[in-house]
PDB file of N, CA and C in Angstrom:
ATOM      1  N   ASN A   1      -5.915  17.203 -74.601  1.00  0.00           N
ATOM      2  CA  ASN A   1      -7.128  17.421 -75.224  1.00  0.00           C
ATOM      3  C   ASN A   1      -7.623  18.858 -74.904  1.00  0.00           C
ATOM      4  N   TRP A   2      -7.676  19.723 -75.943  1.00  0.00           N
ATOM      5  CA  TRP A   2      -8.090  21.100 -75.680  1.00  0.00           C
ATOM      6  C   TRP A   2      -9.562  21.306 -75.761  1.00  0.00           C
ATOM      7  N   HIS A   3     -10.299  20.317 -76.108  1.00  0.00           N
ATOM      8  CA  HIS A   3     -11.763  20.482 -76.160  1.00  0.00           C
ATOM      9  C   HIS A   3     -12.406  20.335 -74.810  1.00  0.00           C
ATOM     10  N   THR A   4     -12.570  21.481 -74.160  1.00  0.00           N
ATOM     11  CA  THR A   4     -13.202  21.554 -72.875  1.00  0.00           C
ATOM     12  C   THR A   4     -14.351  22.586 -72.929  1.00  0.00           C
ATOM     13  N   ASN A   5     -15.329  22.480 -72.116  1.00  0.00           N
ATOM     14  CA  ASN A   5     -16.397  23.432 -72.082  1.00  0.00           C
ATOM     15  C   ASN A   5     -15.812  24.760 -71.591  1.00  0.00           C
ATOM     16  N   GLY A   6     -16.206  25.806 -72.238  1.00  0.00           N
ATOM     17  CA  GLY A   6     -15.796  27.176 -71.890  1.00  0.00           C
ATOM     18  C   GLY A   6     -15.437  27.945 -73.108  1.00  0.00           C
ATOM     19  N   PHE A   7     -14.781  29.093 -72.862  1.00  0.00           N
ATOM     20  CA  PHE A   7     -14.416  30.098 -73.887  1.00  0.00           C
ATOM     21  C   PHE A   7     -12.899  30.125 -73.940  1.00  0.00           C
ATOM     22  N   ASN A   8     -12.392  30.262 -75.183  1.00  0.00           N
ATOM     23  CA  ASN A   8     -10.969  30.365 -75.464  1.00  0.00           C
ATOM     24  C   ASN A   8     -10.729  31.531 -76.370  1.00  0.00           C
ATOM     25  N   TRP A   9      -9.856  32.433 -76.002  1.00  0.00           N
ATOM     26  CA  TRP A   9      -9.421  33.529 -76.919  1.00  0.00           C
ATOM     27  C   TRP A   9      -7.899  33.395 -76.969  1.00  0.00           C
ATOM     28  N   TYR A  10      -7.382  33.146 -78.162  1.00  0.00           N
ATOM     29  CA  TYR A  10      -5.964  32.870 -78.248  1.00  0.00           C
ATOM     30  C   TYR A  10      -5.432  33.282 -79.628  1.00  0.00           C
ATOM     31  N   TYR A  11      -4.095  33.324 -79.752  1.00  0.00           N
ATOM     32  CA  TYR A  11      -3.341  33.690 -80.953  1.00  0.00           C
ATOM     33  C   TYR A  11      -2.634  32.423 -81.350  1.00  0.00           C
ATOM     34  N   TRP A  12      -2.898  31.913 -82.518  1.00  0.00           N
ATOM     35  CA  TRP A  12      -2.391  30.579 -82.934  1.00  0.00           C
ATOM     36  C   TRP A  12      -1.166  30.708 -83.803  1.00  0.00           C
ATOM     37  N   THR A  13      -0.519  29.600 -84.065  1.00  0.00           N
ATOM     38  CA  THR A  13       0.750  29.592 -84.861  1.00  0.00           C
ATOM     39  C   THR A  13       0.524  30.016 -86.291  1.00  0.00           C
ATOM     40  N   ASN A  14      -0.644  30.041 -86.774  1.00  0.00           N
ATOM     41  CA  ASN A  14      -0.957  30.510 -88.153  1.00  0.00           C
ATOM     42  C   ASN A  14      -1.127  32.060 -88.186  1.00  0.00           C
ATOM     43  N   ARG A  15      -0.825  32.688 -87.027  1.00  0.00           N
ATOM     44  CA  ARG A  15      -0.799  34.177 -86.871  1.00  0.00           C
ATOM     45  C   ARG A  15      -2.219  34.773 -86.990  1.00  0.00           C
ATOM     46  N   LYS A  16      -3.254  33.985 -86.558  1.00  0.00           N
ATOM     47  CA  LYS A  16      -4.583  34.531 -86.416  1.00  0.00           C
ATOM     48  C   LYS A  16      -5.040  34.467 -85.008  1.00  0.00           C
ATOM     49  N   MET A  17      -5.901  35.350 -84.605  1.00  0.00           N
ATOM     50  CA  MET A  17      -6.570  35.357 -83.334  1.00  0.00           C
ATOM     51  C   MET A  17      -7.811  34.476 -83.481  1.00  0.00           C
ATOM     52  N   TYR A  18      -8.151  33.688 -82.436  1.00  0.00           N
ATOM     53  CA  TYR A  18      -9.368  32.852 -82.431  1.00  0.00           C
ATOM     54  C   TYR A  18     -10.132  33.100 -81.173  1.00  0.00           C
ATOM     55  N   PHE A  19     -11.457  32.945 -81.309  1.00  0.00           N
ATOM     56  CA  PHE A  19     -12.333  32.928 -80.137  1.00  0.00           C
ATOM     57  C   PHE A  19     -13.198  31.684 -80.355  1.00  0.00           C
ATOM     58  N   VAL A  20     -13.191  30.774 -79.367  1.00  0.00           N
ATOM     59  CA  VAL A  20     -13.883  29.507 -79.492  1.00  0.00           C
ATOM     60  C   VAL A  20     -14.795  29.311 -78.274  1.00  0.00           C
ATOM     61  N   MET A  21     -15.987  28.849 -78.535  1.00  0.00           N
ATOM     62  CA  MET A  21     -16.927  28.492 -77.439  1.00  0.00           C
ATOM     63  C   MET A  21     -17.183  27.025 -77.560  1.00  0.00           C
ATOM     64  N   GLU A  22     -16.800  26.268 -76.528  1.00  0.00           N
ATOM     65  CA  GLU A  22     -17.030  24.810 -76.464  1.00  0.00           C
ATOM     66  C   GLU A  22     -18.159  24.555 -75.454  1.00  0.00           C
ATOM     67  N   ARG A  23     -19.118  23.701 -75.815  1.00  0.00           N
ATOM     68  CA  ARG A  23     -20.144  23.256 -74.905  1.00  0.00           C
ATOM     69  C   ARG A  23     -20.474  21.823 -75.298  1.00  0.00           C
ATOM     70  N   PRO A  24     -21.199  21.130 -74.430  1.00  0.00           N
ATOM     71  CA  PRO A  24     -21.494  19.707 -74.784  1.00  0.00           C
ATOM     72  C   PRO A  24     -22.145  19.549 -76.156  1.00  0.00           C
ATOM     73  N   GLY A  25     -21.450  18.839 -77.040  1.00  0.00           N
ATOM     74  CA  GLY A  25     -21.966  18.508 -78.323  1.00  0.00           C
ATOM     75  C   GLY A  25     -21.812  19.583 -79.383  1.00  0.00           C
ATOM     76  N   ALA A  26     -21.129  20.674 -79.106  1.00  0.00           N
ATOM     77  CA  ALA A  26     -21.004  21.712 -80.156  1.00  0.00           C
ATOM     78  C   ALA A  26     -19.753  22.566 -79.863  1.00  0.00           C
ATOM     79  N   THR A  27     -19.251  23.077 -80.953  1.00  0.00           N
ATOM     80  CA  THR A  27     -18.161  24.073 -80.933  1.00  0.00           C
ATOM     81  C   THR A  27     -18.436  25.155 -81.929  1.00  0.00           C
ATOM     82  N   ASP A  28     -18.359  26.397 -81.508  1.00  0.00           N
ATOM     83  CA  ASP A  28     -18.515  27.550 -82.426  1.00  0.00           C
ATOM     84  C   ASP A  28     -17.233  28.332 -82.343  1.00  0.00           C
ATOM     85  N   SER A  29     -16.844  29.027 -83.444  1.00  0.00           N
ATOM     86  CA  SER A  29     -15.606  29.736 -83.416  1.00  0.00           C
ATOM     87  C   SER A  29     -15.622  30.944 -84.342  1.00  0.00           C
ATOM     88  N   ALA A  30     -14.660  31.846 -84.196  1.00  0.00           N
ATOM     89  CA  ALA A  30     -14.442  32.968 -85.072  1.00  0.00           C
ATOM     90  C   ALA A  30     -12.988  33.245 -85.139  1.00  0.00           C
ATOM     91  N   ASN A  31     -12.520  33.769 -86.191  1.00  0.00           N
ATOM     92  CA  ASN A  31     -11.127  34.139 -86.282  1.00  0.00           C
ATOM     93  C   ASN A  31     -10.853  35.424 -87.056  1.00  0.00           C
ATOM     94  N   SER A  32      -9.644  35.980 -86.752  1.00  0.00           N
ATOM     95  CA  SER A  32      -9.230  37.217 -87.427  1.00  0.00           C
ATOM     96  C   SER A  32      -8.531  36.841 -88.738  1.00  0.00           C
ATOM     97  N   ILE A  33      -8.167  37.890 -89.446  1.00  0.00           N
ATOM     98  CA  ILE A  33      -7.280  37.751 -90.623  1.00  0.00           C
ATOM     99  C   ILE A  33      -5.874  37.305 -90.112  1.00  0.00           C
ATOM    100  N   ALA A  34      -5.014  36.852 -90.953  1.00  0.00           N
ATOM    101  CA  ALA A  34      -3.660  36.472 -90.558  1.00  0.00           C
ATOM    102  C   ALA A  34      -2.803  37.696 -90.377  1.00  0.00           C
ATOM    103  N   ASP A  35      -1.742  37.493 -89.598  1.00  0.00           N
ATOM    104  CA  ASP A  35      -0.721  38.562 -89.395  1.00  0.00           C
ATOM    105  C   ASP A  35      -1.250  39.834 -88.769  1.00  0.00           C
ATOM    106  N   VAL A  36      -2.194  39.703 -87.822  1.00  0.00           N
ATOM    107  CA  VAL A  36      -2.768  40.906 -87.246  1.00  0.00           C
ATOM    108  C   VAL A  36      -1.878  41.486 -86.153  1.00  0.00           C
ATOM    109  N   VAL A  37      -1.114  40.655 -85.495  1.00  0.00           N
ATOM    110  CA  VAL A  37      -0.338  41.113 -84.332  1.00  0.00           C
ATOM    111  C   VAL A  37       1.066  41.377 -84.741  1.00  0.00           C
ATOM    112  N   THR A  38       1.608  42.516 -84.422  1.00  0.00           N
ATOM    113  CA  THR A  38       2.991  42.903 -84.639  1.00  0.00           C
ATOM    114  C   THR A  38       3.824  42.608 -83.402  1.00  0.00           C
ATOM    115  N   THR A  39       4.895  41.867 -83.589  1.00  0.00           N
ATOM    116  CA  THR A  39       5.736  41.540 -82.400  1.00  0.00           C
ATOM    117  C   THR A  39       6.465  42.741 -81.931  1.00  0.00           C
ATOM    118  N   ASN A  40       6.764  42.748 -80.571  1.00  0.00           N
ATOM    119  CA  ASN A  40       7.509  43.759 -79.930  1.00  0.00           C
ATOM    120  C   ASN A  40       6.845  45.127 -79.975  1.00  0.00           C
ATOM    121  N   THR A  41       5.516  45.164 -80.051  1.00  0.00           N
ATOM    122  CA  THR A  41       4.720  46.401 -80.116  1.00  0.00           C
ATOM    123  C   THR A  41       3.487  46.239 -79.241  1.00  0.00           C
ATOM    124  N   TRP A  42       3.178  47.214 -78.356  1.00  0.00           N
ATOM    125  CA  TRP A  42       1.963  47.176 -77.573  1.00  0.00           C
ATOM    126  C   TRP A  42       0.766  47.464 -78.522  1.00  0.00           C
ATOM    127  N   GLN A  43      -0.246  46.661 -78.416  1.00  0.00           N
ATOM    128  CA  GLN A  43      -1.445  46.783 -79.256  1.00  0.00           C
ATOM    129  C   GLN A  43      -2.679  46.544 -78.432  1.00  0.00           C
ATOM    130  N   VAL A  44      -3.808  47.046 -78.876  1.00  0.00           N
ATOM    131  CA  VAL A  44      -5.061  46.822 -78.227  1.00  0.00           C
ATOM    132  C   VAL A  44      -5.862  45.833 -79.067  1.00  0.00           C
ATOM    133  N   LEU A  45      -6.146  44.686 -78.482  1.00  0.00           N
ATOM    134  CA  LEU A  45      -6.999  43.663 -79.135  1.00  0.00           C
ATOM    135  C   LEU A  45      -8.357  43.693 -78.515  1.00  0.00           C
ATOM    136  N   GLY A  46      -9.356  43.769 -79.293  1.00  0.00           N
ATOM    137  CA  GLY A  46     -10.743  43.780 -78.803  1.00  0.00           C
ATOM    138  C   GLY A  46     -11.549  42.734 -79.371  1.00  0.00           C
ATOM    139  N   LEU A  47     -12.558  42.288 -78.649  1.00  0.00           N
ATOM    140  CA  LEU A  47     -13.435  41.221 -79.067  1.00  0.00           C
ATOM    141  C   LEU A  47     -14.866  41.681 -78.632  1.00  0.00           C
ATOM    142  N   THR A  48     -15.768  41.706 -79.621  1.00  0.00           N
ATOM    143  CA  THR A  48     -17.156  42.109 -79.265  1.00  0.00           C
ATOM    144  C   THR A  48     -18.093  41.021 -79.775  1.00  0.00           C
ATOM    145  N   ARG A  49     -19.242  40.979 -79.110  1.00  0.00           N
ATOM    146  CA  ARG A  49     -20.241  40.039 -79.510  1.00  0.00           C
ATOM    147  C   ARG A  49     -21.618  40.720 -79.546  1.00  0.00           C
ATOM    148  N   SER A  50     -22.360  40.469 -80.560  1.00  0.00           N
ATOM    149  CA  SER A  50     -23.766  40.954 -80.630  1.00  0.00           C
ATOM    150  C   SER A  50     -24.539  39.817 -81.183  1.00  0.00           C
ATOM    151  N   GLY A  51     -25.388  39.173 -80.342  1.00  0.00           N
ATOM    152  CA  GLY A  51     -26.090  37.961 -80.765  1.00  0.00           C
ATOM    153  C   GLY A  51     -25.085  36.887 -81.009  1.00  0.00           C
ATOM    154  N   ASN A  52     -25.089  36.328 -82.282  1.00  0.00           N
ATOM    155  CA  ASN A  52     -24.147  35.335 -82.656  1.00  0.00           C
ATOM    156  C   ASN A  52     -23.077  35.869 -83.587  1.00  0.00           C
ATOM    157  N   ASP A  53     -22.877  37.208 -83.639  1.00  0.00           N
ATOM    158  CA  ASP A  53     -21.870  37.809 -84.439  1.00  0.00           C
ATOM    159  C   ASP A  53     -20.665  38.236 -83.523  1.00  0.00           C
ATOM    160  N   VAL A  54     -19.491  37.665 -83.813  1.00  0.00           N
ATOM    161  CA  VAL A  54     -18.307  38.019 -83.067  1.00  0.00           C
ATOM    162  C   VAL A  54     -17.346  38.781 -83.943  1.00  0.00           C
ATOM    163  N   ARG A  55     -16.774  39.854 -83.416  1.00  0.00           N
ATOM    164  CA  ARG A  55     -15.870  40.739 -84.229  1.00  0.00           C
ATOM    165  C   ARG A  55     -14.540  40.903 -83.443  1.00  0.00           C
ATOM    166  N   PHE A  56     -13.435  40.867 -84.207  1.00  0.00           N
ATOM    167  CA  PHE A  56     -12.091  41.134 -83.659  1.00  0.00           C
ATOM    168  C   PHE A  56     -11.653  42.529 -84.023  1.00  0.00           C
ATOM    169  N   TYR A  57     -11.048  43.237 -83.098  1.00  0.00           N
ATOM    170  CA  TYR A  57     -10.535  44.575 -83.423  1.00  0.00           C
ATOM    171  C   TYR A  57      -9.074  44.657 -82.980  1.00  0.00           C
ATOM    172  N   LEU A  58      -8.256  45.303 -83.825  1.00  0.00           N
ATOM    173  CA  LEU A  58      -6.878  45.523 -83.530  1.00  0.00           C
ATOM    174  C   LEU A  58      -6.718  47.070 -83.613  1.00  0.00           C
ATOM    175  N   ASN A  59      -6.417  47.704 -82.487  1.00  0.00           N
ATOM    176  CA  ASN A  59      -6.293  49.170 -82.442  1.00  0.00           C
ATOM    177  C   ASN A  59      -7.462  49.846 -83.016  1.00  0.00           C
ATOM    178  N   GLY A  60      -8.672  49.314 -82.803  1.00  0.00           N
ATOM    179  CA  GLY A  60      -9.936  49.953 -83.279  1.00  0.00           C
ATOM    180  C   GLY A  60     -10.312  49.588 -84.700  1.00  0.00           C
ATOM    181  N   ILE A  61      -9.581  48.751 -85.392  1.00  0.00           N
ATOM    182  CA  ILE A  61      -9.826  48.401 -86.757  1.00  0.00           C
ATOM    183  C   ILE A  61     -10.440  46.963 -86.756  1.00  0.00           C
ATOM    184  N   ASP A  62     -11.525  46.740 -87.454  1.00  0.00           N
ATOM    185  CA  ASP A  62     -12.167  45.409 -87.542  1.00  0.00           C
ATOM    186  C   ASP A  62     -11.244  44.522 -88.431  1.00  0.00           C
ATOM    187  N   VAL A  63     -10.745  43.445 -87.811  1.00  0.00           N
ATOM    188  CA  VAL A  63      -9.855  42.518 -88.547  1.00  0.00           C
ATOM    189  C   VAL A  63     -10.479  41.129 -88.566  1.00  0.00           C
ATOM    190  N   THR A  64     -11.804  41.068 -88.524  1.00  0.00           N
ATOM    191  CA  THR A  64     -12.530  39.767 -88.483  1.00  0.00           C
ATOM    192  C   THR A  64     -12.409  39.153 -89.842  1.00  0.00           C
ATOM    193  N   ASP A  65     -12.082  37.870 -89.895  1.00  0.00           N
ATOM    194  CA  ASP A  65     -12.040  37.101 -91.167  1.00  0.00           C
ATOM    195  C   ASP A  65     -13.271  36.225 -91.294  1.00  0.00           C
ATOM    196  N   TRP A  66     -13.672  35.580 -90.190  1.00  0.00           N
ATOM    197  CA  TRP A  66     -14.774  34.647 -90.223  1.00  0.00           C
ATOM    198  C   TRP A  66     -15.400  34.498 -88.839  1.00  0.00           C
ATOM    199  N   SER A  67     -16.726  34.444 -88.795  1.00  0.00           N
ATOM    200  CA  SER A  67     -17.426  34.261 -87.541  1.00  0.00           C
ATOM    201  C   SER A  67     -18.466  33.259 -87.750  1.00  0.00           C
ATOM    202  N   GLY A  68     -18.324  32.074 -87.104  1.00  0.00           N
ATOM    203  CA  GLY A  68     -19.299  30.967 -87.307  1.00  0.00           C
ATOM    204  C   GLY A  68     -19.994  30.503 -86.137  1.00  0.00           C
ATOM    205  N   PHE A  69     -20.550  31.467 -85.360  1.00  0.00           N
ATOM    206  CA  PHE A  69     -21.391  31.078 -84.227  1.00  0.00           C
ATOM    207  C   PHE A  69     -22.791  30.776 -84.751  1.00  0.00           C
ATOM    208  N   ALA A  70     -23.163  29.522 -84.627  1.00  0.00           N
ATOM    209  CA  ALA A  70     -24.465  29.076 -85.099  1.00  0.00           C
ATOM    210  C   ALA A  70     -25.644  29.520 -84.202  1.00  0.00           C
ATOM    211  N   VAL A  71     -25.341  29.689 -82.938  1.00  0.00           N
ATOM    212  CA  VAL A  71     -26.361  30.082 -81.983  1.00  0.00           C
ATOM    213  C   VAL A  71     -25.805  31.214 -81.086  1.00  0.00           C
ATOM    214  N   ASP A  72     -26.728  31.900 -80.483  1.00  0.00           N
ATOM    215  CA  ASP A  72     -26.291  32.911 -79.484  1.00  0.00           C
ATOM    216  C   ASP A  72     -25.509  32.238 -78.365  1.00  0.00           C
ATOM    217  N   MET A  73     -24.564  32.935 -77.856  1.00  0.00           N
ATOM    218  CA  MET A  73     -23.749  32.319 -76.769  1.00  0.00           C
ATOM    219  C   MET A  73     -24.668  32.127 -75.552  1.00  0.00           C
ATOM    220  N   VAL A  74     -24.574  30.987 -74.994  1.00  0.00           N
ATOM    221  CA  VAL A  74     -25.392  30.599 -73.860  1.00  0.00           C
ATOM    222  C   VAL A  74     -24.566  30.592 -72.623  1.00  0.00           C
ATOM    223  N   PRO A  75     -25.158  30.677 -71.466  1.00  0.00           N
ATOM    224  CA  PRO A  75     -24.343  30.502 -70.204  1.00  0.00           C
ATOM    225  C   PRO A  75     -23.592  29.177 -70.295  1.00  0.00           C
ATOM    226  N   ASN A  76     -22.344  29.298 -69.896  1.00  0.00           N
ATOM    227  CA  ASN A  76     -21.447  28.164 -70.053  1.00  0.00           C
ATOM    228  C   ASN A  76     -20.708  27.923 -68.775  1.00  0.00           C
ATOM    229  N   PRO A  77     -20.838  26.711 -68.170  1.00  0.00           N
ATOM    230  CA  PRO A  77     -20.208  26.482 -66.889  1.00  0.00           C
ATOM    231  C   PRO A  77     -18.708  26.230 -66.992  1.00  0.00           C
ATOM    232  N   GLY A  78     -18.151  26.325 -68.196  1.00  0.00           N
ATOM    233  CA  GLY A  78     -16.761  25.988 -68.356  1.00  0.00           C
ATOM    234  C   GLY A  78     -15.827  27.197 -68.012  1.00  0.00           C
ATOM    235  N   ASN A  79     -14.535  27.016 -68.330  1.00  0.00           N
ATOM    236  CA  ASN A  79     -13.538  27.982 -68.031  1.00  0.00           C
ATOM    237  C   ASN A  79     -13.418  29.012 -69.119  1.00  0.00           C
ATOM    238  N   LEU A  80     -12.722  30.152 -68.740  1.00  0.00           N
ATOM    239  CA  LEU A  80     -12.393  31.164 -69.743  1.00  0.00           C
ATOM    240  C   LEU A  80     -10.832  31.101 -69.812  1.00  0.00           C
ATOM    241  N   PHE A  81     -10.297  30.863 -71.006  1.00  0.00           N
ATOM    242  CA  PHE A  81      -8.847  30.907 -71.240  1.00  0.00           C
ATOM    243  C   PHE A  81      -8.560  32.099 -72.137  1.00  0.00           C
ATOM    244  N   ILE A  82      -7.602  32.947 -71.754  1.00  0.00           N
ATOM    245  CA  ILE A  82      -7.192  34.064 -72.533  1.00  0.00           C
ATOM    246  C   ILE A  82      -5.689  33.888 -72.823  1.00  0.00           C
ATOM    247  N   GLY A  83      -5.293  33.859 -74.099  1.00  0.00           N
ATOM    248  CA  GLY A  83      -3.922  33.744 -74.436  1.00  0.00           C
ATOM    249  C   GLY A  83      -3.509  32.235 -74.590  1.00  0.00           C
ATOM    250  N   THR A  84      -4.460  31.343 -74.526  1.00  0.00           N
ATOM    251  CA  THR A  84      -4.139  29.948 -74.729  1.00  0.00           C
ATOM    252  C   THR A  84      -5.437  29.234 -75.155  1.00  0.00           C
ATOM    253  N   HIS A  85      -5.293  28.064 -75.714  1.00  0.00           N
ATOM    254  CA  HIS A  85      -6.487  27.306 -76.071  1.00  0.00           C
ATOM    255  C   HIS A  85      -6.757  26.179 -75.147  1.00  0.00           C
ATOM    256  N   SER A  86      -6.031  26.048 -74.094  1.00  0.00           N
ATOM    257  CA  SER A  86      -6.300  25.099 -73.032  1.00  0.00           C
ATOM    258  C   SER A  86      -5.452  25.385 -71.841  1.00  0.00           C
ATOM    259  N   ALA A  87      -5.632  24.683 -70.776  1.00  0.00           N
ATOM    260  CA  ALA A  87      -4.808  24.894 -69.583  1.00  0.00           C
ATOM    261  C   ALA A  87      -3.443  24.215 -69.733  1.00  0.00           C
ATOM    262  N   ALA A  88      -3.247  23.423 -70.782  1.00  0.00           N
ATOM    263  CA  ALA A  88      -2.003  22.653 -70.929  1.00  0.00           C
ATOM    264  C   ALA A  88      -1.086  23.098 -72.018  1.00  0.00           C
ATOM    265  N   SER A  89      -1.552  23.804 -73.050  1.00  0.00           N
ATOM    266  CA  SER A  89      -0.636  24.125 -74.190  1.00  0.00           C
ATOM    267  C   SER A  89      -1.187  25.348 -74.945  1.00  0.00           C
ATOM    268  N   GLY A  90      -0.413  25.723 -75.942  1.00  0.00           N
ATOM    269  CA  GLY A  90      -0.790  26.812 -76.835  1.00  0.00           C
ATOM    270  C   GLY A  90      -0.748  28.204 -76.165  1.00  0.00           C
ATOM    271  N   PHE A  91       0.269  28.451 -75.327  1.00  0.00           N
ATOM    272  CA  PHE A  91       0.364  29.665 -74.610  1.00  0.00           C
ATOM    273  C   PHE A  91       0.847  30.829 -75.450  1.00  0.00           C
ATOM    274  N   LEU A  92       0.330  32.007 -75.165  1.00  0.00           N
ATOM    275  CA  LEU A  92       0.764  33.254 -75.859  1.00  0.00           C
ATOM    276  C   LEU A  92       2.247  33.558 -75.449  1.00  0.00           C
ATOM    277  N   PRO A  93       3.074  33.771 -76.455  1.00  0.00           N
ATOM    278  CA  PRO A  93       4.476  34.079 -76.167  1.00  0.00           C
ATOM    279  C   PRO A  93       4.667  35.554 -75.987  1.00  0.00           C
ATOM    280  N   GLY A  94       3.972  36.125 -75.038  1.00  0.00           N
ATOM    281  CA  GLY A  94       4.034  37.585 -74.866  1.00  0.00           C
ATOM    282  C   GLY A  94       3.385  37.979 -73.554  1.00  0.00           C
ATOM    283  N   TYR A  95       3.030  39.269 -73.471  1.00  0.00           N
ATOM    284  CA  TYR A  95       2.485  39.844 -72.228  1.00  0.00           C
ATOM    285  C   TYR A  95       1.088  40.339 -72.492  1.00  0.00           C
ATOM    286  N   ILE A  96       0.265  40.189 -71.464  1.00  0.00           N
ATOM    287  CA  ILE A  96      -1.108  40.823 -71.509  1.00  0.00           C
ATOM    288  C   ILE A  96      -1.094  41.882 -70.385  1.00  0.00           C
ATOM    289  N   ASP A  97      -1.290  43.129 -70.748  1.00  0.00           N
ATOM    290  CA  ASP A  97      -1.227  44.217 -69.779  1.00  0.00           C
ATOM    291  C   ASP A  97      -2.433  44.280 -68.905  1.00  0.00           C
ATOM    292  N   PHE A  98      -3.645  44.372 -69.460  1.00  0.00           N
ATOM    293  CA  PHE A  98      -4.841  44.327 -68.688  1.00  0.00           C
ATOM    294  C   PHE A  98      -6.010  43.826 -69.537  1.00  0.00           C
ATOM    295  N   VAL A  99      -7.024  43.339 -68.840  1.00  0.00           N
ATOM    296  CA  VAL A  99      -8.222  42.747 -69.523  1.00  0.00           C
ATOM    297  C   VAL A  99      -9.410  43.359 -68.892  1.00  0.00           C
ATOM    298  N   LEU A 100     -10.329  43.818 -69.710  1.00  0.00           N
ATOM    299  CA  LEU A 100     -11.599  44.399 -69.206  1.00  0.00           C
ATOM    300  C   LEU A 100     -12.753  43.647 -69.787  1.00  0.00           C
ATOM    301  N   PHE A 101     -13.760  43.415 -69.019  1.00  0.00           N
ATOM    302  CA  PHE A 101     -15.004  42.787 -69.460  1.00  0.00           C
ATOM    303  C   PHE A 101     -16.152  43.804 -69.171  1.00  0.00           C
ATOM    304  N   PHE A 102     -16.993  43.931 -70.170  1.00  0.00           N
ATOM    305  CA  PHE A 102     -18.234  44.768 -70.004  1.00  0.00           C
ATOM    306  C   PHE A 102     -19.391  43.869 -70.283  1.00  0.00           C
ATOM    307  N   ARG A 103     -20.360  43.924 -69.425  1.00  0.00           N
ATOM    308  CA  ARG A 103     -21.585  43.154 -69.642  1.00  0.00           C
ATOM    309  C   ARG A 103     -22.654  44.044 -70.257  1.00  0.00           C
ATOM    310  N   ASP A 104     -23.232  43.518 -71.296  1.00  0.00           N
ATOM    311  CA  ASP A 104     -24.345  44.226 -72.009  1.00  0.00           C
ATOM    312  C   ASP A 104     -23.883  45.558 -72.652  1.00  0.00           C
ATOM    313  N   ILE A 105     -22.608  45.711 -72.849  1.00  0.00           N
ATOM    314  CA  ILE A 105     -22.079  46.912 -73.544  1.00  0.00           C
ATOM    315  C   ILE A 105     -21.147  46.434 -74.615  1.00  0.00           C
ATOM    316  N   ALA A 106     -21.388  46.726 -75.863  1.00  0.00           N
ATOM    317  CA  ALA A 106     -20.419  46.446 -76.931  1.00  0.00           C
ATOM    318  C   ALA A 106     -19.714  47.731 -77.295  1.00  0.00           C
ATOM    319  N   LEU A 107     -18.450  47.823 -76.960  1.00  0.00           N
ATOM    320  CA  LEU A 107     -17.692  49.035 -77.266  1.00  0.00           C
ATOM    321  C   LEU A 107     -17.510  49.214 -78.795  1.00  0.00           C
ATOM    322  N   SER A 108     -17.570  50.470 -79.199  1.00  0.00           N
ATOM    323  CA  SER A 108     -17.290  50.802 -80.620  1.00  0.00           C
ATOM    324  C   SER A 108     -15.780  50.761 -80.836  1.00  0.00           C
ATOM    325  N   PRO A 109     -15.368  50.702 -82.107  1.00  0.00           N
ATOM    326  CA  PRO A 109     -13.913  50.772 -82.395  1.00  0.00           C
ATOM    327  C   PRO A 109     -13.278  52.009 -81.782  1.00  0.00           C
ATOM    328  N   THR A 110     -13.980  53.137 -81.836  1.00  0.00           N
ATOM    329  CA  THR A 110     -13.434  54.383 -81.266  1.00  0.00           C
ATOM    330  C   THR A 110     -13.224  54.289 -79.790  1.00  0.00           C
ATOM    331  N   GLN A 111     -14.265  53.674 -79.103  1.00  0.00           N
ATOM    332  CA  GLN A 111     -14.134  53.523 -77.674  1.00  0.00           C
ATOM    333  C   GLN A 111     -12.954  52.601 -77.323  1.00  0.00           C
ATOM    334  N   MET A 112     -12.693  51.516 -78.133  1.00  0.00           N
ATOM    335  CA  MET A 112     -11.563  50.664 -77.859  1.00  0.00           C
ATOM    336  C   MET A 112     -10.241  51.365 -78.042  1.00  0.00           C
ATOM    337  N   VAL A 113     -10.153  52.252 -79.051  1.00  0.00           N
ATOM    338  CA  VAL A 113      -8.935  53.047 -79.170  1.00  0.00           C
ATOM    339  C   VAL A 113      -8.756  53.976 -77.977  1.00  0.00           C
ATOM    340  N   GLY A 114      -9.868  54.544 -77.478  1.00  0.00           N
ATOM    341  CA  GLY A 114      -9.805  55.343 -76.245  1.00  0.00           C
ATOM    342  C   GLY A 114      -9.227  54.625 -75.110  1.00  0.00           C
ATOM    343  N   TRP A 115      -9.619  53.373 -74.945  1.00  0.00           N
ATOM    344  CA  TRP A 115      -8.985  52.586 -73.816  1.00  0.00           C
ATOM    345  C   TRP A 115      -7.518  52.400 -74.101  1.00  0.00           C
ATOM    346  N   ALA A 116      -7.126  52.190 -75.301  1.00  0.00           N
ATOM    347  CA  ALA A 116      -5.701  51.957 -75.621  1.00  0.00           C
ATOM    348  C   ALA A 116      -4.895  53.171 -75.283  1.00  0.00           C
ATOM    349  N   GLU A 117      -5.432  54.328 -75.429  1.00  0.00           N
ATOM    350  CA  GLU A 117      -4.693  55.551 -75.237  1.00  0.00           C
ATOM    351  C   GLU A 117      -4.645  56.048 -73.767  1.00  0.00           C
ATOM    352  N   ARG A 118      -5.336  55.356 -72.907  1.00  0.00           N
ATOM    353  CA  ARG A 118      -5.339  55.731 -71.492  1.00  0.00           C
ATOM    354  C   ARG A 118      -4.040  55.278 -70.833  1.00  0.00           C
ATOM    355  N   THR A 119      -3.628  56.016 -69.838  1.00  0.00           N
ATOM    356  CA  THR A 119      -2.489  55.600 -69.050  1.00  0.00           C
ATOM    357  C   THR A 119      -3.011  55.266 -67.637  1.00  0.00           C
ATOM    358  N   LEU A 120      -2.505  54.165 -67.103  1.00  0.00           N
ATOM    359  CA  LEU A 120      -2.978  53.778 -65.792  1.00  0.00           C
ATOM    360  C   LEU A 120      -2.048  54.231 -64.708  1.00  0.00           C
TER     361      LEU A 120
END
């Protein structure tokens, strides 16, 4: 059962990225267009939120297909899953190099590309 309280950011078999928020009695989600990820290529995937609007970015380009958050995201005592839609299945068949979280800052597409071009 993948319906657990928390946040899920994953790439599904239909070749779309999804961001899902589960909480008691409700599920909100957003997804990208299909075929956004190119295999065997490093890419920068970004996710921003402003109120109840969620946007997906690939290398700084908005690839959002649909965003259906009915309410602003609320504090959620659940887990955060990145690259899977649960702790048991739906795992990303690839690598994640690094993950950054910014509180109260929504990066612009240009800023996301800037992060992609940095070397660590």
